[in-house]
Amino acid sequence: MPEWIDTHAHLDAPEFGGSGEAVMARARHAGVTTCVLPAVKTGNFDEVRELAHRGGGAYALGIHPLCTGDAGEGDIAVLEAALRAHAGDPRLVAVGEIGLDYFEPLDDERQTFIYREQLKLARDHDLPVILHVRRSADRVLKGLRDVAARSHRWLGIAHAFNGSEQQAQAFIDLGFKLGFGGAVTFERALQLRRLAATLPLSSLVMETDSPDIAPHWLYRTAQQRAAGEPQGRNEPAELPRIAAVVAQLRGIGIDELAEATGRNAREALPRLAQVTAATR
């Protein structure tokens, strides 16, 4: 059975009702050997760290742009203290989920300040970053270029990438891999499917963003939900089926995709090598 890495899953989310370990166990049964659990605010740092340790996964610490409304310099200090306290933890693989969001009505000045301060911490602690890039690719790229020291080489993942080919190449040139998940399973996602099919295989990683971004077989329209059809819950066990869509788009075998995206994930998040080795 191919072995997969889910590079982005929020298994501490309320939708899972505290069943994150059971969800990871189901994922392993489906061939997903490792899940990366990004934090979204300082209040869930301990939860994602402890869940990653209990379930054999990895984690990242950061403040999501949607959580910046109540965040400030004190939260940056909490993140810095956590990065210092857990610097020797091989399961801490990145600073994330961080970034910018111009879909939701957020305070631009505040989210930009929080994003750049977190980039500085990632740079200073020599950690990769897991990036939230929602209608914000150019601004996220500018932050990366502005904050990087002359000798610094970024590593990390542009999560749920859905930009242009030129933006994709800009992230790749900076050292990033691009995350593909459930959105690529929709036939109407023509640009995204084109990117999944044509970008260098060395630039792709797989993710679910559980419980969000459900693949098409779980998705229900608002009309269907109003009629009583429940929305299926996305979780890491869906990853092999999502990956099968990407393999088909690229015209390659599923084993080749699993090997390549696993290697890419370990390149983007180098500490994952120790975590995945322990699961074998």
C-alpha atoms as a PDB file:
ATOM      1  CA  MET A   1       0.000   0.000   0.000  1.00  0.00           C
ATOM      2  CA  PRO A   2       1.359   3.490  -0.852  1.00  0.00           C
ATOM      3  CA  GLU A   3       2.302   5.633   2.136  1.00  0.00           C
ATOM      4  CA  TRP A   4       1.033   9.199   2.274  1.00  0.00           C
ATOM      5  CA  ILE A   5       1.722  12.333   4.316  1.00  0.00           C
ATOM      6  CA  ASP A   6      -1.179  14.687   4.988  1.00  0.00           C
ATOM      7  CA  THR A   7       0.681  17.979   5.278  1.00  0.00           C
ATOM      8  CA  HIS A   8      -2.293  19.933   6.649  1.00  0.00           C
ATOM      9  CA  ALA A   9      -5.050  18.693   8.956  1.00  0.00           C
ATOM     10  CA  HIS A  10      -6.795  20.524  11.820  1.00  0.00           C
ATOM     11  CA  LEU A  11      -7.678  17.482  13.881  1.00  0.00           C
ATOM     12  CA  ASP A  12      -8.175  19.558  17.026  1.00  0.00           C
ATOM     13  CA  ALA A  13     -11.132  21.310  15.362  1.00  0.00           C
ATOM     14  CA  PRO A  14     -14.508  21.134  17.153  1.00  0.00           C
ATOM     15  CA  GLU A  15     -15.933  19.071  14.278  1.00  0.00           C
ATOM     16  CA  PHE A  16     -13.835  16.124  15.446  1.00  0.00           C
ATOM     17  CA  GLY A  17     -15.159  16.310  18.982  1.00  0.00           C
ATOM     18  CA  GLY A  18     -11.899  15.292  20.612  1.00  0.00           C
ATOM     19  CA  SER A  19     -11.523  12.191  18.424  1.00  0.00           C
ATOM     20  CA  GLY A  20      -8.288  13.281  16.743  1.00  0.00           C
ATOM     21  CA  GLU A  21      -6.370  10.164  17.758  1.00  0.00           C
ATOM     22  CA  ALA A  22      -9.078   7.904  16.329  1.00  0.00           C
ATOM     23  CA  VAL A  23      -9.077   9.966  13.132  1.00  0.00           C
ATOM     24  CA  MET A  24      -5.312   9.489  12.794  1.00  0.00           C
ATOM     25  CA  ALA A  25      -5.719   5.764  13.425  1.00  0.00           C
ATOM     26  CA  ARG A  26      -8.242   5.564  10.559  1.00  0.00           C
ATOM     27  CA  ALA A  27      -5.828   7.520   8.402  1.00  0.00           C
ATOM     28  CA  ARG A  28      -3.002   5.070   9.074  1.00  0.00           C
ATOM     29  CA  HIS A  29      -5.308   2.185   8.147  1.00  0.00           C
ATOM     30  CA  ALA A  30      -5.902   3.984   4.812  1.00  0.00           C
ATOM     31  CA  GLY A  31      -2.165   4.453   4.223  1.00  0.00           C
ATOM     32  CA  VAL A  32      -1.708   7.982   5.585  1.00  0.00           C
ATOM     33  CA  THR A  33       1.233   7.403   7.895  1.00  0.00           C
ATOM     34  CA  THR A  34       1.731  10.981   9.122  1.00  0.00           C
ATOM     35  CA  CYS A  35      -0.474  14.038   9.618  1.00  0.00           C
ATOM     36  CA  VAL A  36       0.855  17.565  10.161  1.00  0.00           C
ATOM     37  CA  LEU A  37      -1.356  19.530  12.577  1.00  0.00           C
ATOM     38  CA  PRO A  38      -1.010  23.324  12.295  1.00  0.00           C
ATOM     39  CA  ALA A  39      -2.142  25.537  15.145  1.00  0.00           C
ATOM     40  CA  VAL A  40      -4.327  28.567  14.421  1.00  0.00           C
ATOM     41  CA  LYS A  41      -3.995  30.592  17.654  1.00  0.00           C
ATOM     42  CA  THR A  42      -1.961  30.620  20.842  1.00  0.00           C
ATOM     43  CA  GLY A  43      -4.846  29.020  22.737  1.00  0.00           C
ATOM     44  CA  ASN A  44      -4.516  25.750  20.834  1.00  0.00           C
ATOM     45  CA  PHE A  45      -0.717  25.419  20.874  1.00  0.00           C
ATOM     46  CA  ASP A  46      -0.722  22.838  23.654  1.00  0.00           C
ATOM     47  CA  GLU A  47      -3.629  20.918  22.153  1.00  0.00           C
ATOM     48  CA  VAL A  48      -2.050  20.399  18.736  1.00  0.00           C
ATOM     49  CA  ARG A  49       1.317  19.545  20.263  1.00  0.00           C
ATOM     50  CA  GLU A  50      -0.139  16.971  22.639  1.00  0.00           C
ATOM     51  CA  LEU A  51      -2.362  15.474  19.922  1.00  0.00           C
ATOM     52  CA  ALA A  52       0.597  15.137  17.573  1.00  0.00           C
ATOM     53  CA  HIS A  53       2.554  13.297  20.262  1.00  0.00           C
ATOM     54  CA  ARG A  54      -0.323  11.013  21.204  1.00  0.00           C
ATOM     55  CA  GLY A  55      -1.235  10.216  17.611  1.00  0.00           C
ATOM     56  CA  GLY A  56       2.226   9.919  16.116  1.00  0.00           C
ATOM     57  CA  GLY A  57       1.938  13.039  13.976  1.00  0.00           C
ATOM     58  CA  ALA A  58       3.752  16.346  13.611  1.00  0.00           C
ATOM     59  CA  TYR A  59       2.671  19.912  14.400  1.00  0.00           C
ATOM     60  CA  ALA A  60       3.284  23.565  13.631  1.00  0.00           C
ATOM     61  CA  LEU A  61       2.743  26.591  15.857  1.00  0.00           C
ATOM     62  CA  GLY A  62       1.384  29.859  14.553  1.00  0.00           C
ATOM     63  CA  ILE A  63      -1.464  32.363  14.386  1.00  0.00           C
ATOM     64  CA  HIS A  64      -3.879  32.009  11.462  1.00  0.00           C
ATOM     65  CA  PRO A  65      -4.875  35.272   9.744  1.00  0.00           C
ATOM     66  CA  LEU A  66      -8.522  34.638  10.646  1.00  0.00           C
ATOM     67  CA  CYS A  67      -7.442  34.654  14.304  1.00  0.00           C
ATOM     68  CA  THR A  68      -5.510  37.929  14.146  1.00  0.00           C
ATOM     69  CA  GLY A  69      -8.462  40.076  15.222  1.00  0.00           C
ATOM     70  CA  ASP A  70      -7.767  39.358  18.880  1.00  0.00           C
ATOM     71  CA  ALA A  71      -4.019  38.858  18.545  1.00  0.00           C
ATOM     72  CA  GLY A  72      -1.254  41.300  19.283  1.00  0.00           C
ATOM     73  CA  GLU A  73       2.337  41.594  20.411  1.00  0.00           C
ATOM     74  CA  GLY A  74       1.585  39.475  23.467  1.00  0.00           C
ATOM     75  CA  ASP A  75       0.619  36.567  21.231  1.00  0.00           C
ATOM     76  CA  ILE A  76       3.846  36.932  19.275  1.00  0.00           C
ATOM     77  CA  ALA A  77       5.713  36.704  22.590  1.00  0.00           C
ATOM     78  CA  VAL A  78       3.765  33.529  23.472  1.00  0.00           C
ATOM     79  CA  LEU A  79       4.699  32.019  20.089  1.00  0.00           C
ATOM     80  CA  GLU A  80       8.349  32.936  20.551  1.00  0.00           C
ATOM     81  CA  ALA A  81       8.374  31.349  24.016  1.00  0.00           C
ATOM     82  CA  ALA A  82       6.747  28.176  22.669  1.00  0.00           C
ATOM     83  CA  LEU A  83       9.261  27.914  19.831  1.00  0.00           C
ATOM     84  CA  ARG A  84      12.090  28.211  22.356  1.00  0.00           C
ATOM     85  CA  ALA A  85      10.527  25.755  24.793  1.00  0.00           C
ATOM     86  CA  HIS A  86       9.997  23.076  22.134  1.00  0.00           C
ATOM     87  CA  ALA A  87      13.018  23.760  19.957  1.00  0.00           C
ATOM     88  CA  GLY A  88      14.317  20.235  20.540  1.00  0.00           C
ATOM     89  CA  ASP A  89      11.015  18.539  19.691  1.00  0.00           C
ATOM     90  CA  PRO A  90      11.349  16.773  16.309  1.00  0.00           C
ATOM     91  CA  ARG A  91       7.560  16.795  15.928  1.00  0.00           C
ATOM     92  CA  LEU A  92       7.586  20.615  15.787  1.00  0.00           C
ATOM     93  CA  VAL A  93       8.181  20.966  12.055  1.00  0.00           C
ATOM     94  CA  ALA A  94       7.181  24.546  11.170  1.00  0.00           C
ATOM     95  CA  VAL A  95       5.704  27.897  12.086  1.00  0.00           C
ATOM     96  CA  GLY A  96       2.112  27.812  10.885  1.00  0.00           C
ATOM     97  CA  GLU A  97      -0.545  28.259   9.882  1.00  0.00           C
ATOM     98  CA  ILE A  98       0.345  31.850   9.081  1.00  0.00           C
ATOM     99  CA  GLY A  99      -0.328  34.157   6.177  1.00  0.00           C
ATOM    100  CA  LEU A 100      -2.779  36.659   4.740  1.00  0.00           C
ATOM    101  CA  ASP A 101      -6.460  36.402   3.794  1.00  0.00           C
ATOM    102  CA  TYR A 102      -8.235  38.877   1.521  1.00  0.00           C
ATOM    103  CA  PHE A 103     -11.413  36.850   1.161  1.00  0.00           C
ATOM    104  CA  GLU A 104     -12.630  37.615   4.681  1.00  0.00           C
ATOM    105  CA  PRO A 105     -13.038  41.227   5.920  1.00  0.00           C
ATOM    106  CA  LEU A 106      -9.977  41.434   8.150  1.00  0.00           C
ATOM    107  CA  ASP A 107      -7.968  44.355   9.472  1.00  0.00           C
ATOM    108  CA  ASP A 108      -5.200  44.509   6.867  1.00  0.00           C
ATOM    109  CA  GLU A 109      -2.710  46.356   9.046  1.00  0.00           C
ATOM    110  CA  ARG A 110      -3.132  43.921  11.931  1.00  0.00           C
ATOM    111  CA  GLN A 111      -2.960  40.713   9.891  1.00  0.00           C
ATOM    112  CA  THR A 112       0.058  42.004   7.982  1.00  0.00           C
ATOM    113  CA  PHE A 113       1.847  42.889  11.225  1.00  0.00           C
ATOM    114  CA  ILE A 114       1.120  39.453  12.755  1.00  0.00           C
ATOM    115  CA  TYR A 115       2.188  37.691   9.546  1.00  0.00           C
ATOM    116  CA  ARG A 116       5.506  39.505   9.273  1.00  0.00           C
ATOM    117  CA  GLU A 117       6.351  39.125  12.950  1.00  0.00           C
ATOM    118  CA  GLN A 118       5.804  35.377  12.611  1.00  0.00           C
ATOM    119  CA  LEU A 119       7.994  35.256   9.526  1.00  0.00           C
ATOM    120  CA  LYS A 120      10.753  36.891  11.577  1.00  0.00           C
ATOM    121  CA  LEU A 121      10.397  34.224  14.268  1.00  0.00           C
ATOM    122  CA  ALA A 122      10.523  31.442  11.680  1.00  0.00           C
ATOM    123  CA  ARG A 123      13.628  32.997  10.163  1.00  0.00           C
ATOM    124  CA  ASP A 124      15.331  33.466  13.514  1.00  0.00           C
ATOM    125  CA  HIS A 125      14.477  29.924  14.691  1.00  0.00           C
ATOM    126  CA  ASP A 126      15.416  28.468  11.290  1.00  0.00           C
ATOM    127  CA  LEU A 127      12.021  26.830  10.826  1.00  0.00           C
ATOM    128  CA  PRO A 128       9.926  26.352   7.680  1.00  0.00           C
ATOM    129  CA  VAL A 129       6.553  28.062   7.381  1.00  0.00           C
ATOM    130  CA  ILE A 130       3.115  26.735   6.470  1.00  0.00           C
ATOM    131  CA  LEU A 131       1.390  29.542   4.598  1.00  0.00           C
ATOM    132  CA  HIS A 132      -2.258  30.526   4.295  1.00  0.00           C
ATOM    133  CA  VAL A 133      -2.575  32.119   0.841  1.00  0.00           C
ATOM    134  CA  ARG A 134      -6.171  33.134   0.169  1.00  0.00           C
ATOM    135  CA  ARG A 135      -6.466  35.794  -2.520  1.00  0.00           C
ATOM    136  CA  SER A 136      -3.158  37.074  -1.183  1.00  0.00           C
ATOM    137  CA  ALA A 137      -0.339  35.357  -3.081  1.00  0.00           C
ATOM    138  CA  ASP A 138       1.483  38.515  -4.155  1.00  0.00           C
ATOM    139  CA  ARG A 139       1.296  40.079  -0.682  1.00  0.00           C
ATOM    140  CA  VAL A 140       2.435  36.848   0.967  1.00  0.00           C
ATOM    141  CA  LEU A 141       5.361  36.629  -1.448  1.00  0.00           C
ATOM    142  CA  LYS A 142       6.309  40.249  -0.743  1.00  0.00           C
ATOM    143  CA  GLY A 143       6.408  39.510   2.982  1.00  0.00           C
ATOM    144  CA  LEU A 144       8.689  36.536   2.410  1.00  0.00           C
ATOM    145  CA  ARG A 145      11.063  38.597   0.299  1.00  0.00           C
ATOM    146  CA  ASP A 146      11.062  41.549   2.698  1.00  0.00           C
ATOM    147  CA  VAL A 147      11.663  39.507   5.844  1.00  0.00           C
ATOM    148  CA  ALA A 148      14.256  37.057   4.549  1.00  0.00           C
ATOM    149  CA  ALA A 149      17.801  37.829   5.579  1.00  0.00           C
ATOM    150  CA  ARG A 150      20.333  37.918   2.768  1.00  0.00           C
ATOM    151  CA  SER A 151      21.588  34.404   3.521  1.00  0.00           C
ATOM    152  CA  HIS A 152      18.204  32.930   4.511  1.00  0.00           C
ATOM    153  CA  ARG A 153      16.570  30.239   2.388  1.00  0.00           C
ATOM    154  CA  TRP A 154      12.880  29.735   2.984  1.00  0.00           C
ATOM    155  CA  LEU A 155      11.388  26.274   3.257  1.00  0.00           C
ATOM    156  CA  GLY A 156       7.757  25.356   3.704  1.00  0.00           C
ATOM    157  CA  ILE A 157       4.394  24.864   2.066  1.00  0.00           C
ATOM    158  CA  ALA A 158       1.946  27.224   0.383  1.00  0.00           C
ATOM    159  CA  HIS A 159      -1.157  25.507   1.729  1.00  0.00           C
ATOM    160  CA  ALA A 160      -4.256  25.003  -0.476  1.00  0.00           C
ATOM    161  CA  PHE A 161      -2.550  26.772  -3.350  1.00  0.00           C
ATOM    162  CA  ASN A 162      -4.956  28.257  -5.877  1.00  0.00           C
ATOM    163  CA  GLY A 163      -3.048  31.025  -7.617  1.00  0.00           C
ATOM    164  CA  SER A 164      -1.658  31.555 -11.086  1.00  0.00           C
ATOM    165  CA  GLU A 165       1.133  29.623 -12.759  1.00  0.00           C
ATOM    166  CA  GLN A 166       3.406  32.644 -12.328  1.00  0.00           C
ATOM    167  CA  GLN A 167       2.633  32.850  -8.607  1.00  0.00           C
ATOM    168  CA  ALA A 168       3.189  29.113  -8.264  1.00  0.00           C
ATOM    169  CA  GLN A 169       6.607  29.460  -9.836  1.00  0.00           C
ATOM    170  CA  ALA A 170       7.454  32.384  -7.544  1.00  0.00           C
ATOM    171  CA  PHE A 171       6.753  30.230  -4.473  1.00  0.00           C
ATOM    172  CA  ILE A 172       8.738  27.347  -5.942  1.00  0.00           C
ATOM    173  CA  ASP A 173      11.675  29.663  -6.680  1.00  0.00           C
ATOM    174  CA  LEU A 174      11.682  30.774  -3.030  1.00  0.00           C
ATOM    175  CA  GLY A 175      11.896  27.150  -1.839  1.00  0.00           C
ATOM    176  CA  PHE A 176       8.240  26.258  -1.246  1.00  0.00           C
ATOM    177  CA  LYS A 177       6.131  23.244  -2.090  1.00  0.00           C
ATOM    178  CA  LEU A 178       2.477  23.692  -3.036  1.00  0.00           C
ATOM    179  CA  GLY A 179      -0.339  21.919  -1.195  1.00  0.00           C
ATOM    180  CA  PHE A 180      -3.125  20.222  -3.168  1.00  0.00           C
ATOM    181  CA  GLY A 181      -6.238  18.738  -1.584  1.00  0.00           C
ATOM    182  CA  GLY A 182      -9.957  18.278  -1.996  1.00  0.00           C
ATOM    183  CA  ALA A 183     -10.519  21.305  -4.253  1.00  0.00           C
ATOM    184  CA  VAL A 184      -8.659  19.571  -7.087  1.00  0.00           C
ATOM    185  CA  THR A 185     -11.332  16.850  -7.220  1.00  0.00           C
ATOM    186  CA  PHE A 186     -13.953  19.251  -8.637  1.00  0.00           C
ATOM    187  CA  GLU A 187     -14.141  19.138 -12.429  1.00  0.00           C
ATOM    188  CA  ARG A 188     -15.005  22.842 -12.584  1.00  0.00           C
ATOM    189  CA  ALA A 189     -11.688  23.766 -10.894  1.00  0.00           C
ATOM    190  CA  LEU A 190     -10.041  24.017 -14.303  1.00  0.00           C
ATOM    191  CA  GLN A 191      -7.073  26.239 -13.398  1.00  0.00           C
ATOM    192  CA  LEU A 192      -6.265  24.287 -10.255  1.00  0.00           C
ATOM    193  CA  ARG A 193      -6.457  20.953 -12.071  1.00  0.00           C
ATOM    194  CA  ARG A 194      -4.230  22.336 -14.818  1.00  0.00           C
ATOM    195  CA  LEU A 195      -1.638  23.322 -12.225  1.00  0.00           C
ATOM    196  CA  ALA A 196      -1.841  19.912 -10.539  1.00  0.00           C
ATOM    197  CA  ALA A 197      -1.244  18.292 -13.919  1.00  0.00           C
ATOM    198  CA  THR A 198       1.575  20.485 -15.220  1.00  0.00           C
ATOM    199  CA  LEU A 199       3.630  21.869 -12.323  1.00  0.00           C
ATOM    200  CA  PRO A 200       6.879  20.002 -11.635  1.00  0.00           C
ATOM    201  CA  LEU A 201       6.175  16.858  -9.642  1.00  0.00           C
ATOM    202  CA  SER A 202       8.940  17.964  -7.275  1.00  0.00           C
ATOM    203  CA  SER A 203       6.786  20.945  -6.208  1.00  0.00           C
ATOM    204  CA  LEU A 204       3.634  19.099  -5.034  1.00  0.00           C
ATOM    205  CA  VAL A 205       2.575  17.910  -1.592  1.00  0.00           C
ATOM    206  CA  MET A 206      -0.753  16.396  -0.584  1.00  0.00           C
ATOM    207  CA  GLU A 207      -3.113  17.671   2.115  1.00  0.00           C
ATOM    208  CA  THR A 208      -6.730  17.511   3.232  1.00  0.00           C
ATOM    209  CA  ASP A 209      -7.163  20.643   5.387  1.00  0.00           C
ATOM    210  CA  SER A 210      -9.504  18.464   7.441  1.00  0.00           C
ATOM    211  CA  PRO A 211     -12.264  19.112   8.301  1.00  0.00           C
ATOM    212  CA  ASP A 212     -12.426  21.815   5.590  1.00  0.00           C
ATOM    213  CA  ILE A 213     -12.129  21.701   1.769  1.00  0.00           C
ATOM    214  CA  ALA A 214     -14.089  18.498   1.363  1.00  0.00           C
ATOM    215  CA  PRO A 215     -13.573  16.575  -1.896  1.00  0.00           C
ATOM    216  CA  HIS A 216     -16.475  16.473  -4.328  1.00  0.00           C
ATOM    217  CA  TRP A 217     -17.817  13.144  -3.045  1.00  0.00           C
ATOM    218  CA  LEU A 218     -18.375  14.647   0.408  1.00  0.00           C
ATOM    219  CA  TYR A 219     -19.518  18.120  -0.627  1.00  0.00           C
ATOM    220  CA  ARG A 220     -23.178  19.132  -0.392  1.00  0.00           C
ATOM    221  CA  THR A 221     -24.572  22.365  -1.821  1.00  0.00           C
ATOM    222  CA  ALA A 222     -26.536  24.751   0.378  1.00  0.00           C
ATOM    223  CA  GLN A 223     -29.711  23.510  -1.308  1.00  0.00           C
ATOM    224  CA  GLN A 224     -28.820  19.887  -0.561  1.00  0.00           C
ATOM    225  CA  ARG A 225     -28.051  20.714   3.055  1.00  0.00           C
ATOM    226  CA  ALA A 226     -31.346  22.575   3.377  1.00  0.00           C
ATOM    227  CA  ALA A 227     -33.060  19.432   2.086  1.00  0.00           C
ATOM    228  CA  GLY A 228     -31.508  17.447   4.902  1.00  0.00           C
ATOM    229  CA  GLU A 229     -28.487  15.918   3.186  1.00  0.00           C
ATOM    230  CA  PRO A 230     -25.563  16.120   5.650  1.00  0.00           C
ATOM    231  CA  GLN A 231     -22.203  17.472   4.616  1.00  0.00           C
ATOM    232  CA  GLY A 232     -19.631  14.692   4.716  1.00  0.00           C
ATOM    233  CA  ARG A 233     -16.771  15.286   7.138  1.00  0.00           C
ATOM    234  CA  ASN A 234     -13.383  15.545   5.502  1.00  0.00           C
ATOM    235  CA  GLU A 235     -10.539  13.740   7.267  1.00  0.00           C
ATOM    236  CA  PRO A 236      -7.049  12.440   6.430  1.00  0.00           C
ATOM    237  CA  ALA A 237      -8.337   8.985   5.429  1.00  0.00           C
ATOM    238  CA  GLU A 238      -9.735  10.677   2.300  1.00  0.00           C
ATOM    239  CA  LEU A 239      -6.228  11.610   1.130  1.00  0.00           C
ATOM    240  CA  PRO A 240      -5.476   8.493  -0.984  1.00  0.00           C
ATOM    241  CA  ARG A 241      -8.664   9.016  -2.982  1.00  0.00           C
ATOM    242  CA  ILE A 242      -7.856  12.714  -3.473  1.00  0.00           C
ATOM    243  CA  ALA A 243      -4.339  11.748  -4.541  1.00  0.00           C
ATOM    244  CA  ALA A 244      -5.756   9.305  -7.073  1.00  0.00           C
ATOM    245  CA  VAL A 245      -7.370  12.270  -8.838  1.00  0.00           C
ATOM    246  CA  VAL A 246      -4.017  14.081  -8.993  1.00  0.00           C
ATOM    247  CA  ALA A 247      -2.269  10.951 -10.291  1.00  0.00           C
ATOM    248  CA  GLN A 248      -4.901  10.598 -12.995  1.00  0.00           C
ATOM    249  CA  LEU A 249      -4.539  14.264 -13.989  1.00  0.00           C
ATOM    250  CA  ARG A 250      -0.790  13.801 -14.301  1.00  0.00           C
ATOM    251  CA  GLY A 251      -1.005  10.432 -16.013  1.00  0.00           C
ATOM    252  CA  ILE A 252       1.247   8.712 -13.472  1.00  0.00           C
ATOM    253  CA  GLY A 253       0.882   5.793 -11.121  1.00  0.00           C
ATOM    254  CA  ILE A 254      -0.321   6.217  -7.562  1.00  0.00           C
ATOM    255  CA  ASP A 255       2.893   4.745  -6.146  1.00  0.00           C
ATOM    256  CA  GLU A 256       4.991   7.288  -8.034  1.00  0.00           C
ATOM    257  CA  LEU A 257       2.876  10.144  -6.699  1.00  0.00           C
ATOM    258  CA  ALA A 258       3.025   8.843  -3.123  1.00  0.00           C
ATOM    259  CA  GLU A 259       6.799   8.494  -3.232  1.00  0.00           C
ATOM    260  CA  ALA A 260       7.329  11.920  -4.798  1.00  0.00           C
ATOM    261  CA  THR A 261       4.935  13.867  -2.564  1.00  0.00           C
ATOM    262  CA  GLY A 262       6.305  12.158   0.546  1.00  0.00           C
ATOM    263  CA  ARG A 263       9.825  13.118  -0.460  1.00  0.00           C
ATOM    264  CA  ASN A 264       8.673  16.655  -1.216  1.00  0.00           C
ATOM    265  CA  ALA A 265       7.001  16.961   2.193  1.00  0.00           C
ATOM    266  CA  ARG A 266      10.211  15.919   3.940  1.00  0.00           C
ATOM    267  CA  GLU A 267      12.159  18.470   1.885  1.00  0.00           C
ATOM    268  CA  ALA A 268       9.692  21.228   2.778  1.00  0.00           C
ATOM    269  CA  LEU A 269       9.570  20.238   6.464  1.00  0.00           C
ATOM    270  CA  PRO A 270      12.917  18.527   7.166  1.00  0.00           C
ATOM    271  CA  ARG A 271      12.052  17.368  10.694  1.00  0.00           C
ATOM    272  CA  LEU A 272       9.330  15.194   9.169  1.00  0.00           C
ATOM    273  CA  ALA A 273      12.068  12.721   8.231  1.00  0.00           C
ATOM    274  CA  GLN A 274      12.427  11.719  11.886  1.00  0.00           C
ATOM    275  CA  VAL A 275       8.667  11.551  12.404  1.00  0.00           C
ATOM    276  CA  THR A 276       7.962   9.421   9.346  1.00  0.00           C
ATOM    277  CA  ALA A 277      10.878   7.119  10.105  1.00  0.00           C
ATOM    278  CA  ALA A 278       9.350   6.409  13.512  1.00  0.00           C
ATOM    279  CA  THR A 279       6.040   5.348  11.920  1.00  0.00           C
ATOM    280  CA  ARG A 280       7.573   2.642   9.748  1.00  0.00           C
END
